[in-house]
Amino acid sequence: MDAWKLRNASATDVEQVAELRAVVLRGDLERLGRYDARRVRQRLREGFDPSCTRIVEVDGDFAGCVALRPAADAHWLEHFYLAPRLHGRGIGSGVLRVLLDACDRTGARVRLNVLQGSPARRLYERHGFRVDTEDPVDVFMLREPGQAPPTAPTTPR
């Protein structure tokens, strides 16, 4: 498996993250008839908060990001993007496990939304997320503390 680590994000990461978002979401947004090259990047720029965002590095290089934003009744898992060349290697599961372990220790629920038809939904379901509500574009999911950890947790190196 690739050596990966998380680091705190800074404001200077925003453009790299916006570009990755556009690449990762393009197929799903096109399928849903909602892809706009400018808008997909701008929405990230407007919602980027480095104080709750972590950057994923693989072998020392930028590979993705994830945000965990505290809210009144749960933390929101947002902007979880990993470079497509790294999909299927266990890195996303490892990153998610680290975040969810921290939430479990504090008893925090975690919410997220994923685009309808996105293969990322399977990852979230494997980690204990269940559908809360959905609409024609988004599936809103919720995970209670301690729900269905994967059989072999992965930790960063």
N, C-alpha and C. Protein backbone atom coordinates (compact mmCIF):
# COMPACT_ATOMS: atom_id res chain seq x y z
N MET A 1 0.84 -1.19 0.00
CA MET A 1 0.00 0.00 0.00
C MET A 1 0.88 1.25 0.00
N ASP A 2 0.35 2.30 -0.58
CA ASP A 2 1.08 3.56 -0.65
C ASP A 2 1.21 4.18 0.74
N ALA A 3 2.32 4.86 0.98
CA ALA A 3 2.52 5.58 2.25
C ALA A 3 1.76 6.90 2.15
N TRP A 4 0.83 7.12 3.08
CA TRP A 4 0.05 8.34 3.07
C TRP A 4 0.07 8.97 4.44
N LYS A 5 -0.23 10.28 4.46
CA LYS A 5 -0.35 10.98 5.73
C LYS A 5 -1.32 12.14 5.55
N LEU A 6 -1.79 12.65 6.67
CA LEU A 6 -2.65 13.82 6.68
C LEU A 6 -1.87 15.00 7.25
N ARG A 7 -2.10 16.16 6.68
CA ARG A 7 -1.54 17.38 7.25
C ARG A 7 -2.63 18.42 7.28
N ASN A 8 -2.47 19.41 8.14
CA ASN A 8 -3.43 20.51 8.20
C ASN A 8 -3.38 21.31 6.91
N ALA A 9 -4.53 21.74 6.45
CA ALA A 9 -4.61 22.55 5.24
C ALA A 9 -4.26 24.00 5.57
N SER A 10 -3.90 24.73 4.54
CA SER A 10 -3.70 26.17 4.67
C SER A 10 -4.47 26.85 3.53
N ALA A 11 -4.60 28.14 3.63
CA ALA A 11 -5.33 28.89 2.60
C ALA A 11 -4.70 28.71 1.22
N THR A 12 -3.42 28.45 1.17
CA THR A 12 -2.74 28.28 -0.12
C THR A 12 -3.11 26.97 -0.83
N ASP A 13 -3.79 26.06 -0.15
CA ASP A 13 -4.20 24.79 -0.75
C ASP A 13 -5.47 24.91 -1.59
N VAL A 14 -6.18 26.02 -1.49
CA VAL A 14 -7.52 26.11 -2.07
C VAL A 14 -7.57 25.83 -3.57
N GLU A 15 -6.66 26.35 -4.35
CA GLU A 15 -6.74 26.15 -5.80
C GLU A 15 -6.45 24.70 -6.20
N GLN A 16 -5.52 24.07 -5.53
CA GLN A 16 -5.22 22.68 -5.81
C GLN A 16 -6.42 21.80 -5.46
N VAL A 17 -7.07 22.11 -4.34
CA VAL A 17 -8.25 21.37 -3.92
C VAL A 17 -9.41 21.63 -4.89
N ALA A 18 -9.60 22.86 -5.31
CA ALA A 18 -10.68 23.19 -6.25
C ALA A 18 -10.50 22.44 -7.57
N GLU A 19 -9.28 22.36 -8.03
CA GLU A 19 -9.02 21.63 -9.27
C GLU A 19 -9.29 20.14 -9.11
N LEU A 20 -8.86 19.56 -8.00
CA LEU A 20 -9.12 18.14 -7.75
C LEU A 20 -10.62 17.88 -7.68
N ARG A 21 -11.36 18.76 -7.02
CA ARG A 21 -12.81 18.61 -6.93
C ARG A 21 -13.43 18.55 -8.32
N ALA A 22 -13.00 19.44 -9.20
CA ALA A 22 -13.54 19.47 -10.56
C ALA A 22 -13.27 18.16 -11.29
N VAL A 23 -12.10 17.61 -11.11
CA VAL A 23 -11.73 16.35 -11.77
C VAL A 23 -12.55 15.19 -11.19
N VAL A 24 -12.61 15.10 -9.87
CA VAL A 24 -13.26 13.97 -9.21
C VAL A 24 -14.78 13.97 -9.45
N LEU A 25 -15.40 15.13 -9.39
CA LEU A 25 -16.86 15.19 -9.50
C LEU A 25 -17.39 15.26 -10.93
N ARG A 26 -16.52 15.50 -11.87
CA ARG A 26 -16.99 15.75 -13.24
C ARG A 26 -17.91 14.66 -13.79
N GLY A 27 -17.51 13.41 -13.71
CA GLY A 27 -18.32 12.33 -14.26
C GLY A 27 -19.71 12.26 -13.65
N ASP A 28 -19.78 12.32 -12.32
CA ASP A 28 -21.08 12.26 -11.65
C ASP A 28 -21.93 13.48 -11.97
N LEU A 29 -21.32 14.66 -11.96
CA LEU A 29 -22.08 15.88 -12.26
C LEU A 29 -22.57 15.89 -13.71
N GLU A 30 -21.74 15.41 -14.64
CA GLU A 30 -22.18 15.33 -16.04
C GLU A 30 -23.35 14.36 -16.18
N ARG A 31 -23.26 13.21 -15.52
CA ARG A 31 -24.33 12.22 -15.56
C ARG A 31 -25.64 12.80 -15.04
N LEU A 32 -25.53 13.67 -14.02
CA LEU A 32 -26.72 14.29 -13.43
C LEU A 32 -27.14 15.58 -14.16
N GLY A 33 -26.39 15.94 -15.22
CA GLY A 33 -26.70 17.14 -15.98
C GLY A 33 -26.42 18.43 -15.24
N ARG A 34 -25.44 18.40 -14.31
CA ARG A 34 -25.18 19.55 -13.46
C ARG A 34 -23.72 20.04 -13.49
N TYR A 35 -22.93 19.59 -14.46
CA TYR A 35 -21.53 20.02 -14.49
C TYR A 35 -21.38 21.40 -15.11
N ASP A 36 -20.71 22.26 -14.39
CA ASP A 36 -20.34 23.59 -14.86
C ASP A 36 -18.91 23.80 -14.37
N ALA A 37 -17.96 23.87 -15.28
CA ALA A 37 -16.53 23.91 -14.94
C ALA A 37 -16.19 25.05 -13.98
N ARG A 38 -16.78 26.21 -14.19
CA ARG A 38 -16.50 27.34 -13.31
C ARG A 38 -17.16 27.15 -11.95
N ARG A 39 -18.42 26.76 -11.96
CA ARG A 39 -19.19 26.64 -10.71
C ARG A 39 -18.62 25.57 -9.78
N VAL A 40 -18.19 24.45 -10.32
CA VAL A 40 -17.68 23.36 -9.47
C VAL A 40 -16.45 23.82 -8.69
N ARG A 41 -15.64 24.65 -9.29
CA ARG A 41 -14.45 25.18 -8.61
C ARG A 41 -14.83 26.30 -7.64
N GLN A 42 -15.73 27.17 -8.09
CA GLN A 42 -16.11 28.32 -7.26
C GLN A 42 -16.82 27.88 -5.98
N ARG A 43 -17.65 26.88 -6.05
CA ARG A 43 -18.34 26.39 -4.84
C ARG A 43 -17.33 25.90 -3.81
N LEU A 44 -16.26 25.28 -4.26
CA LEU A 44 -15.21 24.85 -3.33
C LEU A 44 -14.53 26.06 -2.71
N ARG A 45 -14.16 27.02 -3.55
CA ARG A 45 -13.48 28.22 -3.05
C ARG A 45 -14.32 28.92 -1.99
N GLU A 46 -15.62 29.02 -2.23
CA GLU A 46 -16.51 29.72 -1.29
C GLU A 46 -16.68 28.96 0.02
N GLY A 47 -16.58 27.64 -0.01
CA GLY A 47 -16.80 26.85 1.20
C GLY A 47 -15.53 26.32 1.85
N PHE A 48 -14.38 26.66 1.31
CA PHE A 48 -13.12 26.12 1.82
C PHE A 48 -12.77 26.74 3.16
N ASP A 49 -12.59 25.91 4.15
CA ASP A 49 -12.21 26.35 5.49
C ASP A 49 -10.99 25.56 5.92
N PRO A 50 -9.80 26.13 5.81
CA PRO A 50 -8.60 25.38 6.14
C PRO A 50 -8.55 24.92 7.60
N SER A 51 -9.29 25.58 8.48
CA SER A 51 -9.23 25.20 9.89
C SER A 51 -9.85 23.83 10.17
N CYS A 52 -10.70 23.33 9.29
CA CYS A 52 -11.27 22.00 9.50
C CYS A 52 -10.95 21.05 8.35
N THR A 53 -9.98 21.42 7.53
CA THR A 53 -9.61 20.62 6.36
C THR A 53 -8.23 20.01 6.54
N ARG A 54 -8.11 18.77 6.10
CA ARG A 54 -6.83 18.08 6.11
C ARG A 54 -6.47 17.74 4.67
N ILE A 55 -5.20 17.80 4.38
CA ILE A 55 -4.68 17.44 3.06
C ILE A 55 -4.10 16.04 3.14
N VAL A 56 -4.44 15.23 2.15
CA VAL A 56 -3.89 13.88 2.05
C VAL A 56 -2.65 13.94 1.17
N GLU A 57 -1.56 13.44 1.68
CA GLU A 57 -0.33 13.35 0.89
C GLU A 57 0.05 11.88 0.75
N VAL A 58 0.42 11.50 -0.45
CA VAL A 58 0.88 10.15 -0.72
C VAL A 58 2.31 10.24 -1.22
N ASP A 59 3.20 9.56 -0.53
CA ASP A 59 4.63 9.61 -0.86
C ASP A 59 5.12 11.05 -0.96
N GLY A 60 4.58 11.91 -0.08
CA GLY A 60 5.01 13.30 0.01
C GLY A 60 4.34 14.27 -0.95
N ASP A 61 3.45 13.78 -1.82
CA ASP A 61 2.81 14.64 -2.81
C ASP A 61 1.32 14.83 -2.50
N PHE A 62 0.77 15.98 -2.88
CA PHE A 62 -0.66 16.24 -2.74
C PHE A 62 -1.44 15.14 -3.44
N ALA A 63 -2.41 14.56 -2.73
CA ALA A 63 -3.21 13.48 -3.29
C ALA A 63 -4.70 13.65 -3.05
N GLY A 64 -5.06 14.54 -2.13
CA GLY A 64 -6.48 14.71 -1.85
C GLY A 64 -6.71 15.59 -0.65
N CYS A 65 -7.97 15.59 -0.20
CA CYS A 65 -8.34 16.39 0.96
C CYS A 65 -9.60 15.83 1.58
N VAL A 66 -9.86 16.29 2.79
CA VAL A 66 -11.10 15.96 3.49
C VAL A 66 -11.32 17.02 4.57
N ALA A 67 -12.58 17.36 4.77
CA ALA A 67 -12.92 18.32 5.82
C ALA A 67 -13.90 17.66 6.78
N LEU A 68 -13.77 18.01 8.04
CA LEU A 68 -14.70 17.56 9.07
C LEU A 68 -15.13 18.80 9.83
N ARG A 69 -16.34 19.28 9.50
CA ARG A 69 -16.83 20.54 10.04
C ARG A 69 -17.82 20.28 11.19
N PRO A 70 -17.50 20.76 12.38
CA PRO A 70 -18.43 20.59 13.50
C PRO A 70 -19.73 21.36 13.27
N ALA A 71 -20.84 20.76 13.66
CA ALA A 71 -22.16 21.40 13.59
C ALA A 71 -22.92 21.02 14.86
N ALA A 72 -24.10 21.55 15.03
CA ALA A 72 -24.85 21.40 16.28
C ALA A 72 -25.13 19.94 16.64
N ASP A 73 -25.59 19.14 15.69
CA ASP A 73 -25.97 17.76 16.04
C ASP A 73 -25.04 16.69 15.51
N ALA A 74 -24.05 17.08 14.72
CA ALA A 74 -23.12 16.11 14.13
C ALA A 74 -21.98 16.86 13.46
N HIS A 75 -20.92 16.15 13.15
CA HIS A 75 -19.87 16.71 12.30
C HIS A 75 -20.26 16.43 10.85
N TRP A 76 -19.93 17.35 9.96
CA TRP A 76 -20.17 17.15 8.53
C TRP A 76 -18.87 16.77 7.85
N LEU A 77 -18.85 15.62 7.21
CA LEU A 77 -17.72 15.19 6.40
C LEU A 77 -17.93 15.80 5.02
N GLU A 78 -16.97 16.64 4.61
CA GLU A 78 -17.11 17.39 3.37
C GLU A 78 -15.81 17.35 2.57
N HIS A 79 -15.95 17.66 1.31
CA HIS A 79 -14.78 17.83 0.42
C HIS A 79 -13.79 16.67 0.55
N PHE A 80 -14.30 15.46 0.48
CA PHE A 80 -13.45 14.27 0.55
C PHE A 80 -13.15 13.84 -0.88
N TYR A 81 -11.98 14.26 -1.35
CA TYR A 81 -11.57 13.98 -2.72
C TYR A 81 -10.19 13.36 -2.70
N LEU A 82 -10.03 12.33 -3.52
CA LEU A 82 -8.74 11.66 -3.67
C LEU A 82 -8.46 11.55 -5.16
N ALA A 83 -7.22 11.80 -5.55
CA ALA A 83 -6.84 11.74 -6.96
C ALA A 83 -7.29 10.41 -7.56
N PRO A 84 -7.96 10.43 -8.71
CA PRO A 84 -8.48 9.19 -9.30
C PRO A 84 -7.45 8.09 -9.47
N ARG A 85 -6.20 8.43 -9.73
CA ARG A 85 -5.16 7.40 -9.89
C ARG A 85 -4.94 6.60 -8.62
N LEU A 86 -5.43 7.11 -7.49
CA LEU A 86 -5.23 6.44 -6.20
C LEU A 86 -6.48 5.71 -5.71
N HIS A 87 -7.57 5.79 -6.46
CA HIS A 87 -8.80 5.11 -6.04
C HIS A 87 -8.57 3.60 -6.02
N GLY A 88 -9.20 2.93 -5.09
CA GLY A 88 -9.13 1.47 -5.02
C GLY A 88 -7.88 0.92 -4.34
N ARG A 89 -7.10 1.77 -3.70
CA ARG A 89 -5.86 1.33 -3.07
C ARG A 89 -5.95 1.30 -1.54
N GLY A 90 -7.11 1.61 -1.00
CA GLY A 90 -7.29 1.59 0.45
C GLY A 90 -6.96 2.89 1.15
N ILE A 91 -6.53 3.88 0.40
CA ILE A 91 -6.16 5.16 1.01
C ILE A 91 -7.40 5.87 1.54
N GLY A 92 -8.46 5.93 0.73
CA GLY A 92 -9.69 6.57 1.17
C GLY A 92 -10.25 5.91 2.42
N SER A 93 -10.24 4.59 2.47
CA SER A 93 -10.70 3.88 3.66
C SER A 93 -9.84 4.20 4.87
N GLY A 94 -8.54 4.27 4.66
CA GLY A 94 -7.64 4.61 5.76
C GLY A 94 -7.89 6.00 6.31
N VAL A 95 -8.03 6.96 5.42
CA VAL A 95 -8.30 8.34 5.83
C VAL A 95 -9.63 8.41 6.58
N LEU A 96 -10.64 7.78 6.02
CA LEU A 96 -11.96 7.80 6.64
C LEU A 96 -11.92 7.14 8.02
N ARG A 97 -11.20 6.04 8.14
CA ARG A 97 -11.10 5.35 9.43
C ARG A 97 -10.47 6.25 10.50
N VAL A 98 -9.42 6.97 10.15
CA VAL A 98 -8.77 7.88 11.10
C VAL A 98 -9.78 8.93 11.60
N LEU A 99 -10.50 9.53 10.67
CA LEU A 99 -11.48 10.56 11.05
C LEU A 99 -12.61 9.98 11.89
N LEU A 100 -13.12 8.83 11.48
CA LEU A 100 -14.24 8.24 12.21
C LEU A 100 -13.83 7.73 13.59
N ASP A 101 -12.61 7.23 13.71
CA ASP A 101 -12.12 6.81 15.03
C ASP A 101 -12.12 8.00 16.00
N ALA A 102 -11.68 9.16 15.51
CA ALA A 102 -11.67 10.36 16.35
C ALA A 102 -13.08 10.76 16.74
N CYS A 103 -14.02 10.67 15.81
CA CYS A 103 -15.42 10.99 16.12
C CYS A 103 -16.00 9.99 17.11
N ASP A 104 -15.66 8.73 16.95
CA ASP A 104 -16.15 7.70 17.88
C ASP A 104 -15.67 7.97 19.30
N ARG A 105 -14.43 8.39 19.43
CA ARG A 105 -13.88 8.66 20.77
C ARG A 105 -14.62 9.78 21.48
N THR A 106 -15.18 10.71 20.73
CA THR A 106 -15.91 11.83 21.35
C THR A 106 -17.43 11.63 21.29
N GLY A 107 -17.86 10.52 20.72
CA GLY A 107 -19.30 10.25 20.62
C GLY A 107 -20.02 11.10 19.59
N ALA A 108 -19.30 11.60 18.60
CA ALA A 108 -19.90 12.48 17.59
C ALA A 108 -20.53 11.69 16.44
N ARG A 109 -21.72 12.09 16.06
CA ARG A 109 -22.35 11.59 14.85
C ARG A 109 -21.67 12.28 13.66
N VAL A 110 -21.73 11.64 12.50
CA VAL A 110 -21.14 12.23 11.30
C VAL A 110 -22.17 12.18 10.18
N ARG A 111 -22.33 13.32 9.51
CA ARG A 111 -23.24 13.44 8.36
C ARG A 111 -22.42 13.75 7.11
N LEU A 112 -22.98 13.41 5.97
CA LEU A 112 -22.37 13.76 4.69
C LEU A 112 -23.44 13.71 3.63
N ASN A 113 -23.11 14.26 2.48
CA ASN A 113 -23.95 14.02 1.32
C ASN A 113 -23.05 13.61 0.17
N VAL A 114 -23.59 12.72 -0.65
CA VAL A 114 -22.89 12.17 -1.79
C VAL A 114 -23.84 12.25 -2.98
N LEU A 115 -23.30 12.46 -4.16
CA LEU A 115 -24.14 12.56 -5.35
C LEU A 115 -24.81 11.23 -5.66
N GLN A 116 -26.04 11.29 -6.12
CA GLN A 116 -26.76 10.09 -6.54
C GLN A 116 -25.92 9.32 -7.56
N GLY A 117 -25.79 8.02 -7.37
CA GLY A 117 -25.06 7.17 -8.30
C GLY A 117 -23.55 7.16 -8.13
N SER A 118 -23.03 7.93 -7.19
CA SER A 118 -21.58 7.98 -7.00
C SER A 118 -21.08 6.67 -6.39
N PRO A 119 -19.98 6.14 -6.91
CA PRO A 119 -19.40 4.93 -6.30
C PRO A 119 -18.89 5.18 -4.87
N ALA A 120 -18.68 6.43 -4.50
CA ALA A 120 -18.22 6.74 -3.14
C ALA A 120 -19.25 6.30 -2.09
N ARG A 121 -20.48 6.20 -2.49
CA ARG A 121 -21.52 5.77 -1.54
C ARG A 121 -21.18 4.41 -0.92
N ARG A 122 -20.64 3.50 -1.72
CA ARG A 122 -20.27 2.17 -1.20
C ARG A 122 -19.20 2.27 -0.12
N LEU A 123 -18.24 3.15 -0.31
CA LEU A 123 -17.21 3.38 0.72
C LEU A 123 -17.87 3.82 2.02
N TYR A 124 -18.74 4.78 1.94
CA TYR A 124 -19.40 5.29 3.14
C TYR A 124 -20.25 4.22 3.81
N GLU A 125 -20.96 3.43 3.03
CA GLU A 125 -21.78 2.36 3.62
C GLU A 125 -20.91 1.33 4.33
N ARG A 126 -19.75 1.01 3.77
CA ARG A 126 -18.83 0.06 4.43
C ARG A 126 -18.35 0.59 5.78
N HIS A 127 -18.37 1.89 5.95
CA HIS A 127 -17.90 2.51 7.19
C HIS A 127 -19.06 2.89 8.12
N GLY A 128 -20.23 2.34 7.87
CA GLY A 128 -21.34 2.48 8.79
C GLY A 128 -22.31 3.61 8.51
N PHE A 129 -22.16 4.33 7.41
CA PHE A 129 -23.12 5.38 7.06
C PHE A 129 -24.38 4.74 6.50
N ARG A 130 -25.51 5.32 6.84
CA ARG A 130 -26.81 4.87 6.36
C ARG A 130 -27.55 6.06 5.76
N VAL A 131 -28.40 5.80 4.78
CA VAL A 131 -29.16 6.86 4.14
C VAL A 131 -30.11 7.48 5.16
N ASP A 132 -30.07 8.79 5.23
CA ASP A 132 -30.98 9.54 6.09
C ASP A 132 -32.12 10.09 5.22
N THR A 133 -31.77 10.85 4.20
CA THR A 133 -32.75 11.35 3.23
C THR A 133 -32.05 11.43 1.87
N GLU A 134 -32.84 11.62 0.84
CA GLU A 134 -32.26 11.81 -0.49
C GLU A 134 -33.20 12.62 -1.36
N ASP A 135 -32.61 13.19 -2.39
CA ASP A 135 -33.38 13.93 -3.38
C ASP A 135 -32.84 13.50 -4.75
N PRO A 136 -33.31 14.09 -5.85
CA PRO A 136 -32.84 13.63 -7.17
C PRO A 136 -31.34 13.80 -7.41
N VAL A 137 -30.66 14.66 -6.65
CA VAL A 137 -29.24 14.92 -6.87
C VAL A 137 -28.37 14.34 -5.75
N ASP A 138 -28.78 14.48 -4.50
CA ASP A 138 -27.94 14.11 -3.36
C ASP A 138 -28.55 13.00 -2.50
N VAL A 139 -27.65 12.22 -1.91
CA VAL A 139 -28.02 11.25 -0.88
C VAL A 139 -27.37 11.75 0.41
N PHE A 140 -28.19 12.01 1.42
CA PHE A 140 -27.69 12.48 2.71
C PHE A 140 -27.58 11.26 3.63
N MET A 141 -26.39 11.10 4.22
CA MET A 141 -26.12 9.92 5.02
C MET A 141 -25.71 10.32 6.43
N LEU A 142 -25.92 9.40 7.36
CA LEU A 142 -25.61 9.62 8.76
C LEU A 142 -24.92 8.39 9.32
N ARG A 143 -23.95 8.63 10.17
CA ARG A 143 -23.26 7.54 10.87
C ARG A 143 -23.28 7.85 12.36
N GLU A 144 -23.80 6.91 13.12
CA GLU A 144 -23.79 7.01 14.57
C GLU A 144 -22.42 6.56 15.06
N PRO A 145 -21.97 7.03 16.23
CA PRO A 145 -20.67 6.61 16.75
C PRO A 145 -20.55 5.09 16.86
N GLY A 146 -19.40 4.57 16.43
CA GLY A 146 -19.11 3.15 16.58
C GLY A 146 -19.76 2.24 15.57
N GLN A 147 -20.31 2.75 14.50
CA GLN A 147 -21.02 1.92 13.53
C GLN A 147 -20.09 1.25 12.54
N ALA A 148 -20.18 -0.05 12.46
CA ALA A 148 -19.60 -0.88 11.40
C ALA A 148 -18.21 -0.48 10.93
N PRO A 149 -17.20 -0.59 11.79
CA PRO A 149 -15.85 -0.32 11.29
C PRO A 149 -15.45 -1.40 10.29
N PRO A 150 -14.55 -1.06 9.36
CA PRO A 150 -14.09 -2.09 8.42
C PRO A 150 -13.34 -3.17 9.18
N THR A 151 -13.22 -4.32 8.56
CA THR A 151 -12.60 -5.46 9.23
C THR A 151 -11.12 -5.25 9.52
N ALA A 152 -10.44 -4.48 8.71
CA ALA A 152 -9.01 -4.27 8.92
C ALA A 152 -8.71 -2.78 8.86
N PRO A 153 -8.81 -2.05 9.99
CA PRO A 153 -8.52 -0.62 9.97
C PRO A 153 -7.12 -0.33 9.46
N THR A 154 -7.00 0.76 8.75
CA THR A 154 -5.72 1.18 8.20
C THR A 154 -5.30 2.46 8.91
N THR A 155 -4.04 2.57 9.26
CA THR A 155 -3.55 3.77 9.91
C THR A 155 -2.51 4.42 9.02
N PRO A 156 -2.35 5.73 9.16
CA PRO A 156 -1.36 6.43 8.35
C PRO A 156 0.05 6.06 8.74
N ARG A 157 0.95 6.25 7.82
CA ARG A 157 2.37 5.98 8.08
C ARG A 157 3.10 7.27 8.23
